């Protein structure tokens, strides 16, 4: 893992944001839990449910994408000012092994943080700690607000 280091500690507004964090509708739907956030790093977990699987009983790739992308998004959010918007520019995922049960854990981290873009990586691990998927994403940063639609 090539992770950027030496981020400053959380500002008071970032601490308040974390203390007041409420799961988004997609997190509620998939039962994704925010486990840990540090500057430049985030960890999420999700129990595998039948609703996450395709007809073959394997977790559908889009669910793994959501989990990996979300870990990267939180890693980015943890390292940028609260008044900076963010939006994924692209997402690449490699599916390594199938998973059909247990709790999935996604660890996301920053590999680049610029003034207009960030790059992050994440891995999705099964309950044995084996890699299920690996993600890479570029993120647009919009200082002063949300990205335009």
Protein backbone atom coordinates (compact mmCIF):
# COMPACT_ATOMS: atom_id res chain seq x y z
CA UNK A 1 0.00 0.00 0.00
CA UNK A 2 1.45 3.35 -1.07
CA UNK A 3 -0.40 5.75 1.22
CA UNK A 4 0.19 9.46 1.57
CA UNK A 5 1.16 10.34 5.10
CA UNK A 6 1.62 13.38 7.29
CA UNK A 7 -1.88 14.80 7.09
CA UNK A 8 -2.66 17.37 9.76
CA UNK A 9 -4.97 16.30 12.58
CA UNK A 10 -8.68 16.81 12.09
CA UNK A 11 -9.92 20.38 12.34
CA UNK A 12 -12.76 21.13 14.78
CA UNK A 13 -15.31 21.26 11.93
CA UNK A 14 -14.12 17.85 10.67
CA UNK A 15 -14.43 16.39 14.18
CA UNK A 16 -17.95 17.81 14.41
CA UNK A 17 -18.81 16.34 10.99
CA UNK A 18 -17.65 12.90 12.12
CA UNK A 19 -19.52 13.16 15.43
CA UNK A 20 -22.72 14.09 13.56
CA UNK A 21 -22.24 11.57 10.73
CA UNK A 22 -25.40 9.79 9.63
CA UNK A 23 -25.31 6.95 7.07
CA UNK A 24 -26.47 7.89 3.57
CA UNK A 25 -29.47 6.13 2.02
CA UNK A 26 -27.21 3.78 0.01
CA UNK A 27 -25.28 2.90 3.18
CA UNK A 28 -28.58 2.14 4.91
CA UNK A 29 -29.75 0.03 1.97
CA UNK A 30 -26.55 -2.03 1.83
CA UNK A 31 -25.95 -1.92 5.63
CA UNK A 32 -22.48 -0.35 5.22
CA UNK A 33 -20.92 0.83 8.48
CA UNK A 34 -18.21 3.44 8.89
CA UNK A 35 -15.65 1.75 11.17
CA UNK A 36 -12.67 4.11 11.20
CA UNK A 37 -11.62 7.43 9.73
CA UNK A 38 -8.21 9.04 10.02
CA UNK A 39 -6.79 11.79 7.83
CA UNK A 40 -6.28 10.10 4.44
CA UNK A 41 -7.66 6.70 5.51
CA UNK A 42 -11.10 5.14 5.93
CA UNK A 43 -12.40 1.67 6.84
CA UNK A 44 -15.92 0.44 6.11
CA UNK A 45 -17.65 -2.89 6.78
CA UNK A 46 -20.69 -4.57 5.32
CA UNK A 47 -22.30 -7.87 6.29
CA UNK A 48 -23.07 -9.95 3.20
CA UNK A 49 -26.80 -10.47 2.73
CA UNK A 50 -28.72 -12.48 0.19
CA UNK A 51 -29.96 -9.20 -1.31
CA UNK A 52 -26.32 -8.36 -2.24
CA UNK A 53 -25.94 -11.47 -4.40
CA UNK A 54 -26.80 -12.40 -7.96
CA UNK A 55 -28.61 -15.64 -8.87
CA UNK A 56 -25.39 -17.62 -8.40
CA UNK A 57 -25.21 -16.64 -4.73
CA UNK A 58 -22.07 -14.51 -5.17
CA UNK A 59 -21.94 -10.84 -4.12
CA UNK A 60 -22.74 -8.75 -7.19
CA UNK A 61 -19.84 -6.68 -8.54
CA UNK A 62 -21.68 -3.38 -8.22
CA UNK A 63 -22.01 -3.91 -4.47
CA UNK A 64 -18.24 -4.43 -4.23
CA UNK A 65 -17.73 -1.29 -6.35
CA UNK A 66 -19.92 0.72 -3.98
CA UNK A 67 -18.02 -0.51 -0.93
CA UNK A 68 -14.58 0.16 -2.47
CA UNK A 69 -15.54 3.54 -3.95
CA UNK A 70 -17.09 4.64 -0.65
CA UNK A 71 -13.90 3.85 1.30
CA UNK A 72 -11.95 6.01 -1.15
CA UNK A 73 -14.55 8.79 -0.91
CA UNK A 74 -14.28 8.86 2.89
CA UNK A 75 -10.47 8.84 2.70
CA UNK A 76 -10.66 11.88 0.40
CA UNK A 77 -13.28 13.64 2.56
CA UNK A 78 -11.10 13.10 5.62
CA UNK A 79 -8.20 15.01 4.04
CA UNK A 80 -9.89 17.98 2.33
CA UNK A 81 -11.52 21.11 3.75
CA UNK A 82 -15.19 20.79 4.65
CA UNK A 83 -16.16 23.45 2.08
CA UNK A 84 -14.56 21.48 -0.78
CA UNK A 85 -16.84 19.33 -2.91
CA UNK A 86 -15.80 16.00 -4.38
CA UNK A 87 -17.00 13.74 -7.18
CA UNK A 88 -15.55 10.56 -8.63
CA UNK A 89 -14.09 11.05 -12.09
CA UNK A 90 -13.43 7.37 -12.70
CA UNK A 91 -13.32 4.05 -10.92
CA UNK A 92 -11.45 0.90 -11.86
CA UNK A 93 -12.01 -2.34 -10.00
CA UNK A 94 -10.33 -5.72 -10.18
CA UNK A 95 -12.40 -8.61 -8.89
CA UNK A 96 -9.97 -11.06 -7.28
CA UNK A 97 -12.12 -13.77 -5.70
CA UNK A 98 -15.82 -14.46 -5.20
CA UNK A 99 -17.52 -14.03 -1.85
CA UNK A 100 -20.93 -15.23 -0.73
CA UNK A 101 -21.03 -14.80 3.06
CA UNK A 102 -19.42 -13.11 6.05
CA UNK A 103 -18.52 -9.49 6.64
CA UNK A 104 -16.66 -7.53 3.98
CA UNK A 105 -14.16 -4.88 5.03
CA UNK A 106 -12.98 -2.10 2.73
CA UNK A 107 -9.89 -0.05 3.50
CA UNK A 108 -9.40 3.12 1.45
CA UNK A 109 -6.44 5.50 1.35
CA UNK A 110 -5.09 8.45 -0.63
CA UNK A 111 -2.16 8.11 -2.99
CA UNK A 112 -2.36 11.68 -4.37
CA UNK A 113 -3.93 14.88 -3.09
CA UNK A 114 -3.72 17.96 -5.29
CA UNK A 115 -5.65 21.20 -5.46
CA UNK A 116 -8.12 19.94 -8.12
CA UNK A 117 -7.88 16.15 -8.00
CA UNK A 118 -7.20 13.31 -5.62
CA UNK A 119 -6.39 9.67 -6.30
CA UNK A 120 -7.28 6.90 -3.91
CA UNK A 121 -7.08 3.15 -3.68
CA UNK A 122 -9.04 0.61 -1.72
CA UNK A 123 -9.14 -3.08 -1.09
CA UNK A 124 -12.15 -5.16 -0.17
CA UNK A 125 -11.33 -8.05 2.15
CA UNK A 126 -13.34 -11.13 3.14
CA UNK A 127 -13.66 -12.42 6.71
CA UNK A 128 -10.37 -14.32 6.37
CA UNK A 129 -8.58 -11.10 5.37
CA UNK A 130 -8.11 -12.21 1.76
CA UNK A 131 -8.51 -9.65 -0.99
CA UNK A 132 -11.84 -9.87 -2.81
CA UNK A 133 -11.41 -6.72 -4.94
CA UNK A 134 -9.05 -3.80 -5.47
CA UNK A 135 -10.19 -0.33 -6.57
CA UNK A 136 -8.49 2.77 -7.95
CA UNK A 137 -10.35 6.08 -8.33
CA UNK A 138 -9.68 9.65 -9.41
CA UNK A 139 -11.71 12.30 -7.63
CA UNK A 140 -12.50 15.86 -8.74
CA UNK A 141 -12.13 18.45 -5.99
CA UNK A 142 -14.14 21.66 -6.15
CA UNK A 143 -12.89 24.19 -3.60
CA UNK A 144 -15.68 26.32 -2.20
CA UNK A 145 -18.56 23.98 -2.89
CA UNK A 146 -20.18 21.09 -4.66
CA UNK A 147 -19.28 19.96 -8.17
CA UNK A 148 -21.51 21.44 -10.83
CA UNK A 149 -24.05 19.16 -12.45
